[in-house]
Structure formats: C-alpha cells, structure tokens
Amino acid sequence: MSSKRRKYTREFKIEAVRLVRNSGKSQREVADDLGVPESNLTRWKKKYAQNGDDAFPGNGNLPPEKECIRRLERENEILRQERDIPKKAVTIFSQPSR
C-alpha cells in the first residue's frame, strides 16, 4: 500500500515559517495545527533562513543564481562544440585521400 506524497505550495511553506517565528507557539504546535510533520517545518525554516523570499522556487525550478549558472554552463558547452567543429573538419579534410 503506497501513500501519496503531499505537495505544499510555496506560499504555504512561507506562511508556515512565519507562523513558527511570529505566533509565539512552539514549532510542534504549529506543525500539529497545520497537519505537517515537524521535520518539514525544520527543513523549511533552514531553507527560508538561507534564501529568504527566493526559497522554495518550485518543482524543477532553480533559485535565480543557480539557474543563471546552469544557463551559462550550457551556453559554454555549445560554444566549445562550435569551436571544435572547424578543428575536426580540418583534420578530416587534411588526410590524404585513398
């Protein structure tokens, strides 16, 4: 028997972290009120502390700086390939014909 994994929206996670910080309730009480495992709140608090409002970018999405790095690495790979094509062509065409 498999249980479905719950998905929480970005807004829900941010609001849960704000409740833990500002409500005066313990993390355990907030987790019980929201029906969320306490370990999730702990993880969300850490991510929010590290990234602020850029935390929780979404499923398959990267934070802006990591997305920029990924895009630049891909562009760099394409440029390397474009640079190497003429070198390979010279090698192929400079071989003596048989």
PDB file of N, CA and C in Angstrom:
ATOM      1  N   MET A   1       0.845  -1.158   0.000  1.00  0.00           N
ATOM      2  CA  MET A   1       0.000   0.000   0.000  1.00  0.00           C
ATOM      3  C   MET A   1       0.900   1.233   0.000  1.00  0.00           C
ATOM      4  N   SER A   2       0.750   2.073  -0.966  1.00  0.00           N
ATOM      5  CA  SER A   2       1.576   3.270  -1.053  1.00  0.00           C
ATOM      6  C   SER A   2       0.752   4.488  -0.659  1.00  0.00           C
ATOM      7  N   SER A   3       1.419   5.395   0.014  1.00  0.00           N
ATOM      8  CA  SER A   3       0.734   6.626   0.374  1.00  0.00           C
ATOM      9  C   SER A   3       1.185   7.722  -0.577  1.00  0.00           C
ATOM     10  N   LYS A   4       0.279   8.606  -0.899  1.00  0.00           N
ATOM     11  CA  LYS A   4       0.614   9.698  -1.804  1.00  0.00           C
ATOM     12  C   LYS A   4       1.426  10.744  -1.056  1.00  0.00           C
ATOM     13  N   ARG A   5       2.391  11.262  -1.751  1.00  0.00           N
ATOM     14  CA  ARG A   5       3.238  12.282  -1.177  1.00  0.00           C
ATOM     15  C   ARG A   5       2.528  13.628  -1.282  1.00  0.00           C
ATOM     16  N   ARG A   6       2.466  14.346  -0.174  1.00  0.00           N
ATOM     17  CA  ARG A   6       1.787  15.641  -0.176  1.00  0.00           C
ATOM     18  C   ARG A   6       2.706  16.708  -0.737  1.00  0.00           C
ATOM     19  N   LYS A   7       2.137  17.592  -1.517  1.00  0.00           N
ATOM     20  CA  LYS A   7       2.885  18.726  -2.050  1.00  0.00           C
ATOM     21  C   LYS A   7       2.329  19.988  -1.417  1.00  0.00           C
ATOM     22  N   TYR A   8       3.240  20.851  -1.030  1.00  0.00           N
ATOM     23  CA  TYR A   8       2.843  22.101  -0.402  1.00  0.00           C
ATOM     24  C   TYR A   8       3.259  23.260  -1.304  1.00  0.00           C
ATOM     25  N   THR A   9       2.424  24.259  -1.384  1.00  0.00           N
ATOM     26  CA  THR A   9       2.740  25.407  -2.225  1.00  0.00           C
ATOM     27  C   THR A   9       3.812  26.260  -1.556  1.00  0.00           C
ATOM     28  N   ARG A  10       4.435  27.071  -2.359  1.00  0.00           N
ATOM     29  CA  ARG A  10       5.460  27.990  -1.869  1.00  0.00           C
ATOM     30  C   ARG A  10       4.872  28.917  -0.810  1.00  0.00           C
ATOM     31  N   GLU A  11       3.688  29.435  -1.065  1.00  0.00           N
ATOM     32  CA  GLU A  11       3.034  30.357  -0.143  1.00  0.00           C
ATOM     33  C   GLU A  11       2.729  29.680   1.192  1.00  0.00           C
ATOM     34  N   PHE A  12       2.306  28.422   1.133  1.00  0.00           N
ATOM     35  CA  PHE A  12       2.008  27.674   2.356  1.00  0.00           C
ATOM     36  C   PHE A  12       3.273  27.527   3.197  1.00  0.00           C
ATOM     37  N   LYS A  13       4.390  27.184   2.552  1.00  0.00           N
ATOM     38  CA  LYS A  13       5.653  26.984   3.272  1.00  0.00           C
ATOM     39  C   LYS A  13       6.116  28.289   3.925  1.00  0.00           C
ATOM     40  N   ILE A  14       6.039  29.381   3.182  1.00  0.00           N
ATOM     41  CA  ILE A  14       6.478  30.667   3.728  1.00  0.00           C
ATOM     42  C   ILE A  14       5.589  31.077   4.891  1.00  0.00           C
ATOM     43  N   GLU A  15       4.294  30.882   4.748  1.00  0.00           N
ATOM     44  CA  GLU A  15       3.372  31.235   5.833  1.00  0.00           C
ATOM     45  C   GLU A  15       3.605  30.344   7.060  1.00  0.00           C
ATOM     46  N   ALA A  16       3.906  29.070   6.852  1.00  0.00           N
ATOM     47  CA  ALA A  16       4.191  28.169   7.966  1.00  0.00           C
ATOM     48  C   ALA A  16       5.441  28.624   8.715  1.00  0.00           C
ATOM     49  N   VAL A  17       6.467  29.024   7.983  1.00  0.00           N
ATOM     50  CA  VAL A  17       7.692  29.520   8.627  1.00  0.00           C
ATOM     51  C   VAL A  17       7.406  30.794   9.404  1.00  0.00           C
ATOM     52  N   ARG A  18       6.605  31.686   8.832  1.00  0.00           N
ATOM     53  CA  ARG A  18       6.257  32.934   9.529  1.00  0.00           C
ATOM     54  C   ARG A  18       5.447  32.653  10.789  1.00  0.00           C
ATOM     55  N   LEU A  19       4.574  31.661  10.730  1.00  0.00           N
ATOM     56  CA  LEU A  19       3.802  31.295  11.929  1.00  0.00           C
ATOM     57  C   LEU A  19       4.722  30.809  13.041  1.00  0.00           C
ATOM     58  N   VAL A  20       5.704  29.990  12.688  1.00  0.00           N
ATOM     59  CA  VAL A  20       6.637  29.478  13.696  1.00  0.00           C
ATOM     60  C   VAL A  20       7.395  30.639  14.327  1.00  0.00           C
ATOM     61  N   ARG A  21       7.808  31.597  13.506  1.00  0.00           N
ATOM     62  CA  ARG A  21       8.609  32.716  14.008  1.00  0.00           C
ATOM     63  C   ARG A  21       7.790  33.730  14.811  1.00  0.00           C
ATOM     64  N   ASN A  22       6.571  34.008  14.360  1.00  0.00           N
ATOM     65  CA  ASN A  22       5.844  35.157  14.913  1.00  0.00           C
ATOM     66  C   ASN A  22       4.663  34.822  15.816  1.00  0.00           C
ATOM     67  N   SER A  23       4.165  33.601  15.813  1.00  0.00           N
ATOM     68  CA  SER A  23       2.915  33.314  16.516  1.00  0.00           C
ATOM     69  C   SER A  23       3.093  33.130  18.015  1.00  0.00           C
ATOM     70  N   GLY A  24       4.303  32.883  18.465  1.00  0.00           N
ATOM     71  CA  GLY A  24       4.503  32.622  19.884  1.00  0.00           C
ATOM     72  C   GLY A  24       4.262  31.170  20.251  1.00  0.00           C
ATOM     73  N   LYS A  25       3.829  30.370  19.282  1.00  0.00           N
ATOM     74  CA  LYS A  25       3.623  28.944  19.511  1.00  0.00           C
ATOM     75  C   LYS A  25       4.922  28.199  19.226  1.00  0.00           C
ATOM     76  N   SER A  26       5.025  27.006  19.792  1.00  0.00           N
ATOM     77  CA  SER A  26       6.203  26.187  19.509  1.00  0.00           C
ATOM     78  C   SER A  26       6.087  25.605  18.102  1.00  0.00           C
ATOM     79  N   GLN A  27       7.206  25.146  17.611  1.00  0.00           N
ATOM     80  CA  GLN A  27       7.221  24.546  16.272  1.00  0.00           C
ATOM     81  C   GLN A  27       6.324  23.316  16.233  1.00  0.00           C
ATOM     82  N   ARG A  28       6.307  22.554  17.301  1.00  0.00           N
ATOM     83  CA  ARG A  28       5.476  21.355  17.377  1.00  0.00           C
ATOM     84  C   ARG A  28       3.993  21.726  17.294  1.00  0.00           C
ATOM     85  N   GLU A  29       3.587  22.783  18.002  1.00  0.00           N
ATOM     86  CA  GLU A  29       2.182  23.214  17.980  1.00  0.00           C
ATOM     87  C   GLU A  29       1.762  23.682  16.588  1.00  0.00           C
ATOM     88  N   VAL A  30       2.627  24.446  15.933  1.00  0.00           N
ATOM     89  CA  VAL A  30       2.312  24.924  14.581  1.00  0.00           C
ATOM     90  C   VAL A  30       2.203  23.735  13.628  1.00  0.00           C
ATOM     91  N   ALA A  31       3.123  22.769  13.761  1.00  0.00           N
ATOM     92  CA  ALA A  31       3.096  21.579  12.902  1.00  0.00           C
ATOM     93  C   ALA A  31       1.789  20.816  13.097  1.00  0.00           C
ATOM     94  N   ASP A  32       1.375  20.649  14.333  1.00  0.00           N
ATOM     95  CA  ASP A  32       0.120  19.944  14.613  1.00  0.00           C
ATOM     96  C   ASP A  32      -1.088  20.712  14.056  1.00  0.00           C
ATOM     97  N   ASP A  33      -1.084  22.033  14.228  1.00  0.00           N
ATOM     98  CA  ASP A  33      -2.196  22.856  13.731  1.00  0.00           C
ATOM     99  C   ASP A  33      -2.319  22.767  12.211  1.00  0.00           C
ATOM    100  N   LEU A  34      -1.187  22.741  11.527  1.00  0.00           N
ATOM    101  CA  LEU A  34      -1.192  22.719  10.064  1.00  0.00           C
ATOM    102  C   LEU A  34      -1.277  21.311   9.480  1.00  0.00           C
ATOM    103  N   GLY A  35      -1.059  20.304  10.314  1.00  0.00           N
ATOM    104  CA  GLY A  35      -1.081  18.929   9.819  1.00  0.00           C
ATOM    105  C   GLY A  35       0.157  18.592   8.995  1.00  0.00           C
ATOM    106  N   VAL A  36       1.272  19.166   9.400  1.00  0.00           N
ATOM    107  CA  VAL A  36       2.534  18.993   8.683  1.00  0.00           C
ATOM    108  C   VAL A  36       3.536  18.341   9.630  1.00  0.00           C
ATOM    109  N   PRO A  37       4.361  17.427   9.139  1.00  0.00           N
ATOM    110  CA  PRO A  37       5.403  16.870  10.015  1.00  0.00           C
ATOM    111  C   PRO A  37       6.355  17.967  10.502  1.00  0.00           C
ATOM    112  N   GLU A  38       6.776  17.853  11.733  1.00  0.00           N
ATOM    113  CA  GLU A  38       7.671  18.860  12.318  1.00  0.00           C
ATOM    114  C   GLU A  38       9.000  18.920  11.564  1.00  0.00           C
ATOM    115  N   SER A  39       9.438  17.786  11.029  1.00  0.00           N
ATOM    116  CA  SER A  39      10.698  17.769  10.284  1.00  0.00           C
ATOM    117  C   SER A  39      10.608  18.642   9.034  1.00  0.00           C
ATOM    118  N   ASN A  40       9.418  18.693   8.421  1.00  0.00           N
ATOM    119  CA  ASN A  40       9.236  19.573   7.265  1.00  0.00           C
ATOM    120  C   ASN A  40       9.409  21.031   7.659  1.00  0.00           C
ATOM    121  N   LEU A  41       8.818  21.417   8.783  1.00  0.00           N
ATOM    122  CA  LEU A  41       8.953  22.799   9.245  1.00  0.00           C
ATOM    123  C   LEU A  41      10.411  23.142   9.526  1.00  0.00           C
ATOM    124  N   THR A  42      11.140  22.214  10.112  1.00  0.00           N
ATOM    125  CA  THR A  42      12.560  22.444  10.385  1.00  0.00           C
ATOM    126  C   THR A  42      13.318  22.685   9.081  1.00  0.00           C
ATOM    127  N   ARG A  43      13.072  21.845   8.095  1.00  0.00           N
ATOM    128  CA  ARG A  43      13.744  21.974   6.797  1.00  0.00           C
ATOM    129  C   ARG A  43      13.344  23.282   6.112  1.00  0.00           C
ATOM    130  N   TRP A  44      12.069  23.631   6.174  1.00  0.00           N
ATOM    131  CA  TRP A  44      11.597  24.861   5.547  1.00  0.00           C
ATOM    132  C   TRP A  44      12.216  26.093   6.212  1.00  0.00           C
ATOM    133  N   LYS A  45      12.334  26.051   7.548  1.00  0.00           N
ATOM    134  CA  LYS A  45      12.943  27.168   8.267  1.00  0.00           C
ATOM    135  C   LYS A  45      14.392  27.363   7.822  1.00  0.00           C
ATOM    136  N   LYS A  46      15.131  26.276   7.659  1.00  0.00           N
ATOM    137  CA  LYS A  46      16.532  26.369   7.223  1.00  0.00           C
ATOM    138  C   LYS A  46      16.628  26.960   5.827  1.00  0.00           C
ATOM    139  N   LYS A  47      15.786  26.459   4.905  1.00  0.00           N
ATOM    140  CA  LYS A  47      15.815  26.976   3.530  1.00  0.00           C
ATOM    141  C   LYS A  47      15.430  28.446   3.489  1.00  0.00           C
ATOM    142  N   TYR A  48      14.442  28.818   4.279  1.00  0.00           N
ATOM    143  CA  TYR A  48      13.997  30.210   4.287  1.00  0.00           C
ATOM    144  C   TYR A  48      15.076  31.109   4.885  1.00  0.00           C
ATOM    145  N   ALA A  49      15.768  30.623   5.911  1.00  0.00           N
ATOM    146  CA  ALA A  49      16.849  31.402   6.520  1.00  0.00           C
ATOM    147  C   ALA A  49      18.000  31.601   5.536  1.00  0.00           C
ATOM    148  N   GLN A  50      18.276  30.596   4.710  1.00  0.00           N
ATOM    149  CA  GLN A  50      19.367  30.682   3.747  1.00  0.00           C
ATOM    150  C   GLN A  50      19.017  31.560   2.556  1.00  0.00           C
ATOM    151  N   ASN A  51      17.802  31.416   2.034  1.00  0.00           N
ATOM    152  CA  ASN A  51      17.448  32.049   0.757  1.00  0.00           C
ATOM    153  C   ASN A  51      16.426  33.168   0.855  1.00  0.00           C
ATOM    154  N   GLY A  52      15.828  33.365   1.998  1.00  0.00           N
ATOM    155  CA  GLY A  52      14.828  34.420   2.139  1.00  0.00           C
ATOM    156  C   GLY A  52      13.629  34.179   1.231  1.00  0.00           C
ATOM    157  N   ASP A  53      13.175  35.234   0.564  1.00  0.00           N
ATOM    158  CA  ASP A  53      11.985  35.118  -0.281  1.00  0.00           C
ATOM    159  C   ASP A  53      12.242  34.329  -1.566  1.00  0.00           C
ATOM    160  N   ASP A  54      13.506  34.018  -1.871  1.00  0.00           N
ATOM    161  CA  ASP A  54      13.820  33.188  -3.034  1.00  0.00           C
ATOM    162  C   ASP A  54      13.738  31.697  -2.714  1.00  0.00           C
ATOM    163  N   ALA A  55      13.439  31.364  -1.477  1.00  0.00           N
ATOM    164  CA  ALA A  55      13.333  29.960  -1.083  1.00  0.00           C
ATOM    165  C   ALA A  55      12.109  29.333  -1.755  1.00  0.00           C
ATOM    166  N   PHE A  56      12.141  28.050  -1.916  1.00  0.00           N
ATOM    167  CA  PHE A  56      11.035  27.275  -2.468  1.00  0.00           C
ATOM    168  C   PHE A  56      10.650  27.727  -3.884  1.00  0.00           C
ATOM    169  N   PRO A  57      11.572  27.645  -4.840  1.00  0.00           N
ATOM    170  CA  PRO A  57      11.254  28.135  -6.183  1.00  0.00           C
ATOM    171  C   PRO A  57      10.241  27.284  -6.931  1.00  0.00           C
ATOM    172  N   GLY A  58      10.028  26.055  -6.510  1.00  0.00           N
ATOM    173  CA  GLY A  58       9.021  25.235  -7.172  1.00  0.00           C
ATOM    174  C   GLY A  58       9.609  23.957  -7.718  1.00  0.00           C
ATOM    175  N   ASN A  59       8.743  23.094  -8.193  1.00  0.00           N
ATOM    176  CA  ASN A  59       9.144  21.787  -8.669  1.00  0.00           C
ATOM    177  C   ASN A  59       9.924  21.910  -9.978  1.00  0.00           C
ATOM    178  N   GLY A  60      11.190  21.526  -9.947  1.00  0.00           N
ATOM    179  CA  GLY A  60      12.017  21.573 -11.144  1.00  0.00           C
ATOM    180  C   GLY A  60      12.629  22.929 -11.421  1.00  0.00           C
ATOM    181  N   ASN A  61      12.302  23.913 -10.641  1.00  0.00           N
ATOM    182  CA  ASN A  61      12.853  25.254 -10.824  1.00  0.00           C
ATOM    183  C   ASN A  61      14.026  25.446  -9.879  1.00  0.00           C
ATOM    184  N   LEU A  62      14.989  26.226 -10.315  1.00  0.00           N
ATOM    185  CA  LEU A  62      16.165  26.504  -9.513  1.00  0.00           C
ATOM    186  C   LEU A  62      16.114  27.930  -9.000  1.00  0.00           C
ATOM    187  N   PRO A  63      16.832  28.193  -7.909  1.00  0.00           N
ATOM    188  CA  PRO A  63      16.952  29.583  -7.475  1.00  0.00           C
ATOM    189  C   PRO A  63      17.613  30.402  -8.586  1.00  0.00           C
ATOM    190  N   PRO A  64      17.377  31.701  -8.625  1.00  0.00           N
ATOM    191  CA  PRO A  64      17.866  32.523  -9.744  1.00  0.00           C
ATOM    192  C   PRO A  64      19.359  32.387 -10.029  1.00  0.00           C
ATOM    193  N   GLU A  65      20.199  32.375  -8.982  1.00  0.00           N
ATOM    194  CA  GLU A  65      21.632  32.304  -9.243  1.00  0.00           C
ATOM    195  C   GLU A  65      22.052  30.939  -9.785  1.00  0.00           C
ATOM    196  N   LYS A  66      21.421  29.880  -9.325  1.00  0.00           N
ATOM    197  CA  LYS A  66      21.743  28.549  -9.851  1.00  0.00           C
ATOM    198  C   LYS A  66      21.219  28.383 -11.276  1.00  0.00           C
ATOM    199  N   GLU A  67      20.076  28.973 -11.560  1.00  0.00           N
ATOM    200  CA  GLU A  67      19.531  28.937 -12.918  1.00  0.00           C
ATOM    201  C   GLU A  67      20.462  29.660 -13.878  1.00  0.00           C
ATOM    202  N   CYS A  68      21.012  30.786 -13.453  1.00  0.00           N
ATOM    203  CA  CYS A  68      21.949  31.544 -14.278  1.00  0.00           C
ATOM    204  C   CYS A  68      23.210  30.722 -14.544  1.00  0.00           C
ATOM    205  N   ILE A  69      23.724  30.065 -13.513  1.00  0.00           N
ATOM    206  CA  ILE A  69      24.918  29.221 -13.671  1.00  0.00           C
ATOM    207  C   ILE A  69      24.627  28.078 -14.631  1.00  0.00           C
ATOM    208  N   ARG A  70      23.473  27.441 -14.498  1.00  0.00           N
ATOM    209  CA  ARG A  70      23.115  26.338 -15.379  1.00  0.00           C
ATOM    210  C   ARG A  70      23.035  26.803 -16.832  1.00  0.00           C
ATOM    211  N   ARG A  71      22.425  27.959 -17.044  1.00  0.00           N
ATOM    212  CA  ARG A  71      22.290  28.504 -18.383  1.00  0.00           C
ATOM    213  C   ARG A  71      23.657  28.846 -18.983  1.00  0.00           C
ATOM    214  N   LEU A  72      24.530  29.442 -18.181  1.00  0.00           N
ATOM    215  CA  LEU A  72      25.866  29.796 -18.664  1.00  0.00           C
ATOM    216  C   LEU A  72      26.715  28.568 -18.960  1.00  0.00           C
ATOM    217  N   GLU A  73      26.584  27.529 -18.137  1.00  0.00           N
ATOM    218  CA  GLU A  73      27.330  26.289 -18.402  1.00  0.00           C
ATOM    219  C   GLU A  73      26.859  25.647 -19.699  1.00  0.00           C
ATOM    220  N   ARG A  74      25.567  25.670 -19.953  1.00  0.00           N
ATOM    221  CA  ARG A  74      25.028  25.114 -21.206  1.00  0.00           C
ATOM    222  C   ARG A  74      25.523  25.920 -22.405  1.00  0.00           C
ATOM    223  N   GLU A  75      25.495  27.237 -22.279  1.00  0.00           N
ATOM    224  CA  GLU A  75      25.980  28.099 -23.351  1.00  0.00           C
ATOM    225  C   GLU A  75      27.473  27.868 -23.608  1.00  0.00           C
ATOM    226  N   ASN A  76      28.229  27.691 -22.540  1.00  0.00           N
ATOM    227  CA  ASN A  76      29.662  27.416 -22.647  1.00  0.00           C
ATOM    228  C   ASN A  76      29.903  26.100 -23.396  1.00  0.00           C
ATOM    229  N   GLU A  77      29.112  25.094 -23.115  1.00  0.00           N
ATOM    230  CA  GLU A  77      29.243  23.792 -23.791  1.00  0.00           C
ATOM    231  C   GLU A  77      28.947  23.930 -25.285  1.00  0.00           C
ATOM    232  N   ILE A  78      27.924  24.680 -25.631  1.00  0.00           N
ATOM    233  CA  ILE A  78      27.583  24.895 -27.047  1.00  0.00           C
ATOM    234  C   ILE A  78      28.726  25.618 -27.758  1.00  0.00           C
ATOM    235  N   LEU A  79      29.281  26.633 -27.116  1.00  0.00           N
ATOM    236  CA  LEU A  79      30.395  27.367 -27.721  1.00  0.00           C
ATOM    237  C   LEU A  79      31.626  26.476 -27.910  1.00  0.00           C
ATOM    238  N   ARG A  80      31.887  25.601 -26.946  1.00  0.00           N
ATOM    239  CA  ARG A  80      33.004  24.651 -27.092  1.00  0.00           C
ATOM    240  C   ARG A  80      32.795  23.751 -28.303  1.00  0.00           C
ATOM    241  N   GLN A  81      31.584  23.266 -28.449  1.00  0.00           N
ATOM    242  CA  GLN A  81      31.287  22.392 -29.587  1.00  0.00           C
ATOM    243  C   GLN A  81      31.449  23.147 -30.902  1.00  0.00           C
ATOM    244  N   GLU A  82      30.969  24.385 -30.950  1.00  0.00           N
ATOM    245  CA  GLU A  82      31.111  25.184 -32.167  1.00  0.00           C
ATOM    246  C   GLU A  82      32.579  25.475 -32.481  1.00  0.00           C
ATOM    247  N   ARG A  83      33.387  25.646 -31.467  1.00  0.00           N
ATOM    248  CA  ARG A  83      34.811  25.891 -31.653  1.00  0.00           C
ATOM    249  C   ARG A  83      35.520  24.646 -32.181  1.00  0.00           C
ATOM    250  N   ASP A  84      35.096  23.464 -31.704  1.00  0.00           N
ATOM    251  CA  ASP A  84      35.775  22.223 -32.064  1.00  0.00           C
ATOM    252  C   ASP A  84      35.403  21.707 -33.448  1.00  0.00           C
ATOM    253  N   ILE A  85      34.262  22.093 -33.980  1.00  0.00           N
ATOM    254  CA  ILE A  85      33.827  21.595 -35.294  1.00  0.00           C
ATOM    255  C   ILE A  85      34.835  21.951 -36.392  1.00  0.00           C
ATOM    256  N   PRO A  86      35.282  23.204 -36.522  1.00  0.00           N
ATOM    257  CA  PRO A  86      36.270  23.500 -37.571  1.00  0.00           C
ATOM    258  C   PRO A  86      37.581  22.720 -37.396  1.00  0.00           C
ATOM    259  N   LYS A  87      38.005  22.510 -36.171  1.00  0.00           N
ATOM    260  CA  LYS A  87      39.224  21.736 -35.930  1.00  0.00           C
ATOM    261  C   LYS A  87      39.066  20.310 -36.453  1.00  0.00           C
ATOM    262  N   LYS A  88      37.925  19.716 -36.190  1.00  0.00           N
ATOM    263  CA  LYS A  88      37.675  18.354 -36.658  1.00  0.00           C
ATOM    264  C   LYS A  88      37.574  18.305 -38.176  1.00  0.00           C
ATOM    265  N   ALA A  89      36.953  19.328 -38.757  1.00  0.00           N
ATOM    266  CA  ALA A  89      36.815  19.369 -40.214  1.00  0.00           C
ATOM    267  C   ALA A  89      38.185  19.476 -40.877  1.00  0.00           C
ATOM    268  N   VAL A  90      39.070  20.300 -40.329  1.00  0.00           N
ATOM    269  CA  VAL A  90      40.421  20.437 -40.883  1.00  0.00           C
ATOM    270  C   VAL A  90      41.146  19.100 -40.809  1.00  0.00           C
ATOM    271  N   THR A  91      40.996  18.402 -39.714  1.00  0.00           N
ATOM    272  CA  THR A  91      41.640  17.096 -39.549  1.00  0.00           C
ATOM    273  C   THR A  91      41.123  16.111 -40.584  1.00  0.00           C
ATOM    274  N   ILE A  92      39.845  16.085 -40.793  1.00  0.00           N
ATOM    275  CA  ILE A  92      39.253  15.129 -41.730  1.00  0.00           C
ATOM    276  C   ILE A  92      39.672  15.450 -43.161  1.00  0.00           C
ATOM    277  N   PHE A  93      39.622  16.727 -43.534  1.00  0.00           N
ATOM    278  CA  PHE A  93      39.909  17.090 -44.934  1.00  0.00           C
ATOM    279  C   PHE A  93      41.403  17.162 -45.232  1.00  0.00           C
ATOM    280  N   SER A  94      42.246  17.189 -44.207  1.00  0.00           N
ATOM    281  CA  SER A  94      43.678  17.240 -44.460  1.00  0.00           C
ATOM    282  C   SER A  94      44.296  15.844 -44.602  1.00  0.00           C
ATOM    283  N   GLN A  95      43.506  14.822 -44.350  1.00  0.00           N
ATOM    284  CA  GLN A  95      44.016  13.453 -44.515  1.00  0.00           C
ATOM    285  C   GLN A  95      44.139  13.150 -46.011  1.00  0.00           C
ATOM    286  N   PRO A  96      45.194  12.422 -46.391  1.00  0.00           N
ATOM    287  CA  PRO A  96      45.341  12.077 -47.804  1.00  0.00           C
ATOM    288  C   PRO A  96      44.197  11.168 -48.272  1.00  0.00           C
ATOM    289  N   SER A  97      43.728  11.408 -49.464  1.00  0.00           N
ATOM    290  CA  SER A  97      42.639  10.594 -49.994  1.00  0.00           C
ATOM    291  C   SER A  97      43.182   9.252 -50.440  1.00  0.00           C
ATOM    292  N   ARG A  98      42.374   8.247 -50.416  1.00  0.00           N
ATOM    293  CA  ARG A  98      42.817   6.872 -50.736  1.00  0.00           C
ATOM    294  C   ARG A  98      42.408   6.475 -52.097  1.00  0.00           C
TER     295      ARG A  98
END
